[in-house]
Amino acid sequence: MADRSLEKEFDVLKNDLGTLKEDVSTIAKLLAKKGQTQLNEAVDNGKARVQAGVDVLEEQVTARPLTSLLVAFGVGILLGKMTQR
């Protein structure tokens, strides 16, 4: 008699663990989807910010080409000196 009760309890426990496994799997999938959405939004935001920076830089180079060339030359010399060890 006690064996049947124990078997029933074991079956209930197995069913509960199966349900728990399904629930955890569903939650993990939902969190992964939400994380992917947030990552895509962050990437899109980053791309937009980089493009805005490039646009500003292009405007500055177009407005002052000689100054931009001299600044680039100076930065190149500075980087060359820093890496020349």
Protein backbone atom coordinates (compact mmCIF):
# COMPACT_ATOMS: atom_id res chain seq x y z
CA MET A 1 0.00 0.00 0.00
CA ALA A 2 2.80 2.38 0.88
CA ASP A 3 4.60 1.43 -2.33
CA ARG A 4 1.65 2.60 -4.47
CA SER A 5 1.46 5.88 -2.60
CA LEU A 6 5.18 6.36 -3.07
CA GLU A 7 4.88 5.56 -6.79
CA LYS A 8 2.05 8.09 -7.16
CA GLU A 9 4.10 10.73 -5.38
CA PHE A 10 7.05 9.92 -7.63
CA ASP A 11 4.86 10.24 -10.75
CA VAL A 12 3.52 13.59 -9.51
CA LEU A 13 7.07 14.74 -8.88
CA LYS A 14 8.14 13.68 -12.40
CA ASN A 15 5.19 15.56 -13.91
CA ASP A 16 5.98 18.65 -11.85
CA LEU A 17 9.63 18.55 -12.93
CA GLY A 18 8.56 18.21 -16.56
CA THR A 19 6.28 21.21 -16.23
CA LEU A 20 9.03 23.16 -14.50
CA LYS A 21 11.45 22.30 -17.31
CA GLU A 22 8.98 23.54 -19.92
CA ASP A 23 8.34 26.74 -17.97
CA VAL A 24 12.05 27.48 -17.58
CA SER A 25 12.60 26.80 -21.28
CA THR A 26 9.79 29.19 -22.22
CA ILE A 27 11.12 31.89 -19.93
CA ALA A 28 14.64 31.47 -21.32
CA LYS A 29 13.35 31.80 -24.88
CA LEU A 30 11.39 34.94 -24.01
CA LEU A 31 14.40 36.50 -22.29
CA ALA A 32 16.63 35.64 -25.25
CA LYS A 33 14.16 37.23 -27.66
CA LYS A 34 13.94 40.35 -25.49
CA GLY A 35 17.73 40.52 -25.23
CA GLN A 36 18.07 40.18 -28.99
CA THR A 37 15.58 43.01 -29.50
CA GLN A 38 17.47 45.25 -27.09
CA LEU A 39 20.76 44.38 -28.77
CA ASN A 40 19.36 45.22 -32.19
CA GLU A 41 18.07 48.56 -30.89
CA ALA A 42 21.46 49.36 -29.35
CA VAL A 43 23.26 48.48 -32.60
CA ASP A 44 20.88 50.64 -34.61
CA ASN A 45 21.34 53.50 -32.16
CA GLY A 46 25.12 53.11 -32.34
CA LYS A 47 25.07 53.10 -36.13
CA ALA A 48 22.99 56.28 -36.16
CA ARG A 49 25.39 58.01 -33.76
CA VAL A 50 28.44 56.97 -35.79
CA GLN A 51 26.80 58.17 -39.00
CA ALA A 52 25.97 61.50 -37.35
CA GLY A 53 29.63 61.86 -36.31
CA VAL A 54 30.81 61.04 -39.82
CA ASP A 55 28.40 63.61 -41.25
CA VAL A 56 29.73 66.30 -38.90
CA LEU A 57 33.31 65.38 -39.77
CA GLU A 58 32.55 65.55 -43.49
CA GLU A 59 31.01 68.99 -43.04
CA GLN A 60 34.10 70.19 -41.16
CA VAL A 61 36.48 68.83 -43.81
CA THR A 62 34.41 70.37 -46.59
CA ALA A 63 34.25 73.73 -44.81
CA ARG A 64 37.98 73.83 -43.93
CA PRO A 65 39.97 71.46 -46.15
CA LEU A 66 43.42 72.97 -45.53
CA THR A 67 42.97 73.06 -41.76
CA SER A 68 41.73 69.45 -41.82
CA LEU A 69 44.77 68.39 -43.84
CA LEU A 70 47.16 70.09 -41.43
CA VAL A 71 45.42 68.55 -38.40
CA ALA A 72 45.58 65.09 -39.98
CA PHE A 73 49.28 65.60 -40.78
CA GLY A 74 49.99 66.71 -37.20
CA VAL A 75 48.12 63.76 -35.73
CA GLY A 76 50.05 61.42 -38.04
CA ILE A 77 53.38 62.84 -36.88
CA LEU A 78 52.29 62.61 -33.24
CA LEU A 79 51.23 58.98 -33.62
CA GLY A 80 54.45 58.20 -35.45
CA LYS A 81 56.51 59.64 -32.59
CA MET A 82 54.48 57.77 -29.99
CA THR A 83 54.92 54.40 -31.69
CA GLN A 84 58.62 54.92 -32.48
CA ARG A 85 60.27 53.24 -29.51
